[in-house]
């Protein structure tokens, strides 16, 4: 039986990923939970309250956002 890695992951995201939602579209079926939108613009990072995945904004911030 394959082991499942349940450790929180850190995923880099860019302006193209905004609005950011977790789980990501490429997440495996076993890792799915209710969709939650995360604000990575205010702090430059955010954690999913369901799975603990840590998202970090990399590169330039989107133009036209506050």
N, C-alpha and C. Protein backbone atom coordinates (compact mmCIF):
# COMPACT_ATOMS: atom_id res chain seq x y z
N UNK A 1 0.84 -1.18 0.00
CA UNK A 1 0.00 0.00 0.00
C UNK A 1 0.89 1.24 0.00
N UNK A 2 0.56 2.20 -0.85
CA UNK A 2 1.34 3.43 -0.94
C UNK A 2 1.05 4.33 0.25
N UNK A 3 2.10 4.98 0.72
CA UNK A 3 1.91 5.91 1.83
C UNK A 3 1.44 7.25 1.30
N UNK A 4 0.62 7.94 2.07
CA UNK A 4 0.11 9.25 1.70
C UNK A 4 0.85 10.28 2.53
N UNK A 5 1.38 11.28 1.85
CA UNK A 5 2.09 12.36 2.53
C UNK A 5 1.08 13.43 2.92
N UNK A 6 0.79 13.55 4.20
CA UNK A 6 -0.19 14.52 4.69
C UNK A 6 0.45 15.81 5.19
N UNK A 7 1.74 15.98 4.95
CA UNK A 7 2.42 17.19 5.41
C UNK A 7 1.94 18.39 4.61
N UNK A 8 1.74 19.53 5.27
CA UNK A 8 1.35 20.74 4.53
C UNK A 8 2.40 21.09 3.48
N UNK A 9 1.93 21.53 2.34
CA UNK A 9 2.82 21.87 1.24
C UNK A 9 2.89 23.38 1.09
N UNK A 10 3.98 23.86 0.53
CA UNK A 10 4.13 25.26 0.20
C UNK A 10 4.13 25.37 -1.32
N UNK A 11 3.18 26.14 -1.87
CA UNK A 11 3.00 26.24 -3.30
C UNK A 11 3.17 27.69 -3.73
N UNK A 12 4.10 27.94 -4.67
CA UNK A 12 4.23 29.30 -5.19
C UNK A 12 3.10 29.59 -6.17
N UNK A 13 2.54 30.80 -6.10
CA UNK A 13 1.48 31.23 -7.01
C UNK A 13 1.88 32.59 -7.58
N UNK A 14 1.32 32.90 -8.75
CA UNK A 14 1.61 34.17 -9.41
C UNK A 14 0.32 34.96 -9.59
N UNK A 15 0.44 36.15 -10.16
CA UNK A 15 -0.72 37.00 -10.40
C UNK A 15 -1.74 36.29 -11.30
N UNK A 16 -1.27 35.40 -12.17
CA UNK A 16 -2.17 34.66 -13.05
C UNK A 16 -3.09 33.71 -12.28
N UNK A 17 -2.73 33.36 -11.04
CA UNK A 17 -3.53 32.43 -10.22
C UNK A 17 -4.60 33.14 -9.40
N UNK A 18 -4.66 34.48 -9.47
CA UNK A 18 -5.62 35.26 -8.69
C UNK A 18 -6.94 35.32 -9.46
N UNK A 19 -8.10 35.07 -8.93
CA UNK A 19 -8.36 34.73 -7.54
C UNK A 19 -7.89 33.31 -7.23
N UNK A 20 -7.29 33.15 -6.08
CA UNK A 20 -6.71 31.87 -5.67
C UNK A 20 -7.73 31.06 -4.89
N UNK A 21 -7.93 29.83 -5.33
CA UNK A 21 -8.85 28.93 -4.63
C UNK A 21 -8.13 27.64 -4.30
N UNK A 22 -8.45 27.06 -3.18
CA UNK A 22 -7.92 25.77 -2.77
C UNK A 22 -9.11 24.84 -2.59
N UNK A 23 -9.05 23.63 -3.09
CA UNK A 23 -7.92 22.96 -3.72
C UNK A 23 -7.72 23.43 -5.15
N UNK A 24 -6.50 23.31 -5.62
CA UNK A 24 -6.15 23.66 -6.99
C UNK A 24 -6.79 22.68 -7.96
N UNK A 25 -7.03 23.07 -9.20
CA UNK A 25 -7.67 22.17 -10.17
C UNK A 25 -6.91 20.87 -10.41
N UNK A 26 -5.60 20.88 -10.22
CA UNK A 26 -4.81 19.67 -10.46
C UNK A 26 -4.65 18.79 -9.23
N UNK A 27 -5.35 19.10 -8.14
CA UNK A 27 -5.25 18.31 -6.91
C UNK A 27 -5.85 16.92 -7.13
N UNK A 28 -5.22 15.89 -6.56
CA UNK A 28 -5.79 14.55 -6.69
C UNK A 28 -7.14 14.45 -5.98
N UNK A 29 -7.94 13.52 -6.40
CA UNK A 29 -9.29 13.38 -5.86
C UNK A 29 -9.29 13.20 -4.35
N UNK A 30 -8.33 12.45 -3.81
CA UNK A 30 -8.30 12.20 -2.37
C UNK A 30 -8.01 13.47 -1.57
N UNK A 31 -7.44 14.49 -2.23
CA UNK A 31 -7.06 15.71 -1.52
C UNK A 31 -8.11 16.81 -1.65
N UNK A 32 -9.27 16.50 -2.21
CA UNK A 32 -10.30 17.52 -2.43
C UNK A 32 -11.05 17.84 -1.14
N UNK A 33 -11.42 19.08 -0.99
CA UNK A 33 -12.25 19.54 0.13
C UNK A 33 -13.09 20.68 -0.42
N UNK A 34 -14.04 21.23 0.34
CA UNK A 34 -14.83 22.36 -0.17
C UNK A 34 -13.91 23.50 -0.63
N UNK A 35 -14.27 24.12 -1.73
CA UNK A 35 -13.46 25.22 -2.28
C UNK A 35 -13.49 26.42 -1.35
N UNK A 36 -12.32 26.98 -1.13
CA UNK A 36 -12.18 28.19 -0.33
C UNK A 36 -11.26 29.14 -1.09
N UNK A 37 -11.64 30.41 -1.13
CA UNK A 37 -10.82 31.42 -1.79
C UNK A 37 -9.90 32.05 -0.77
N UNK A 38 -8.64 32.23 -1.15
CA UNK A 38 -7.62 32.72 -0.23
C UNK A 38 -7.07 34.06 -0.70
N UNK A 39 -6.83 34.96 0.24
CA UNK A 39 -6.29 36.29 -0.05
C UNK A 39 -4.78 36.26 0.14
N UNK A 40 -4.04 36.12 -0.96
CA UNK A 40 -2.59 36.15 -0.89
C UNK A 40 -2.03 37.54 -1.15
N UNK A 41 -2.89 38.48 -1.54
CA UNK A 41 -2.41 39.83 -1.86
C UNK A 41 -2.08 40.65 -0.62
N UNK A 42 -2.82 40.49 0.45
CA UNK A 42 -2.61 41.36 1.61
C UNK A 42 -1.29 41.06 2.34
N UNK A 43 -0.96 39.79 2.50
CA UNK A 43 0.25 39.41 3.24
C UNK A 43 1.34 38.82 2.35
N UNK A 44 0.98 38.48 1.11
CA UNK A 44 1.94 37.82 0.23
C UNK A 44 1.96 36.31 0.41
N UNK A 45 1.11 35.82 1.31
CA UNK A 45 1.00 34.38 1.56
C UNK A 45 -0.32 34.09 2.26
N UNK A 46 -0.76 32.84 2.21
CA UNK A 46 -2.00 32.44 2.87
C UNK A 46 -1.98 30.93 3.10
N UNK A 47 -2.69 30.50 4.14
CA UNK A 47 -2.83 29.08 4.45
C UNK A 47 -4.27 28.65 4.27
N UNK A 48 -4.46 27.47 3.68
CA UNK A 48 -5.80 26.92 3.53
C UNK A 48 -6.29 26.43 4.89
N UNK A 49 -7.49 26.83 5.32
CA UNK A 49 -7.98 26.38 6.61
C UNK A 49 -8.38 24.90 6.62
N UNK A 50 -8.57 24.28 5.47
CA UNK A 50 -8.94 22.87 5.41
C UNK A 50 -7.74 21.94 5.43
N UNK A 51 -6.81 22.17 4.50
CA UNK A 51 -5.70 21.22 4.34
C UNK A 51 -4.36 21.76 4.82
N UNK A 52 -4.28 23.05 5.12
CA UNK A 52 -3.05 23.63 5.62
C UNK A 52 -2.04 23.98 4.55
N UNK A 53 -2.38 23.81 3.29
CA UNK A 53 -1.45 24.15 2.22
C UNK A 53 -1.09 25.63 2.31
N UNK A 54 0.18 25.90 2.20
CA UNK A 54 0.72 27.27 2.32
C UNK A 54 0.98 27.79 0.92
N UNK A 55 0.34 28.88 0.55
CA UNK A 55 0.51 29.51 -0.76
C UNK A 55 1.33 30.78 -0.59
N UNK A 56 2.32 30.95 -1.48
CA UNK A 56 3.21 32.11 -1.42
C UNK A 56 3.15 32.83 -2.77
N UNK A 57 2.84 34.12 -2.74
CA UNK A 57 2.78 34.92 -3.95
C UNK A 57 4.19 35.25 -4.41
N UNK A 58 4.50 34.90 -5.65
CA UNK A 58 5.82 35.18 -6.21
C UNK A 58 5.66 36.10 -7.41
N UNK A 59 6.70 36.82 -7.73
CA UNK A 59 6.66 37.71 -8.88
C UNK A 59 5.91 39.00 -8.57
N UNK A 60 5.52 39.67 -9.65
CA UNK A 60 4.82 40.96 -9.51
C UNK A 60 3.39 40.77 -9.06
N UNK A 61 2.91 41.74 -8.31
CA UNK A 61 1.50 41.74 -7.91
C UNK A 61 0.66 42.11 -9.12
N UNK A 62 -0.61 41.68 -9.15
CA UNK A 62 -1.45 42.03 -10.29
C UNK A 62 -1.66 43.54 -10.38
N UNK A 63 -1.77 44.04 -11.58
CA UNK A 63 -2.01 45.46 -11.79
C UNK A 63 -3.47 45.77 -11.54
N UNK A 64 -3.74 46.92 -10.91
CA UNK A 64 -5.11 47.36 -10.69
C UNK A 64 -5.74 46.86 -9.39
N UNK A 65 -4.99 46.12 -8.58
CA UNK A 65 -5.52 45.67 -7.30
C UNK A 65 -4.99 46.56 -6.20
N UNK A 66 -5.71 46.64 -5.10
CA UNK A 66 -5.31 47.49 -3.99
C UNK A 66 -4.36 46.78 -3.07
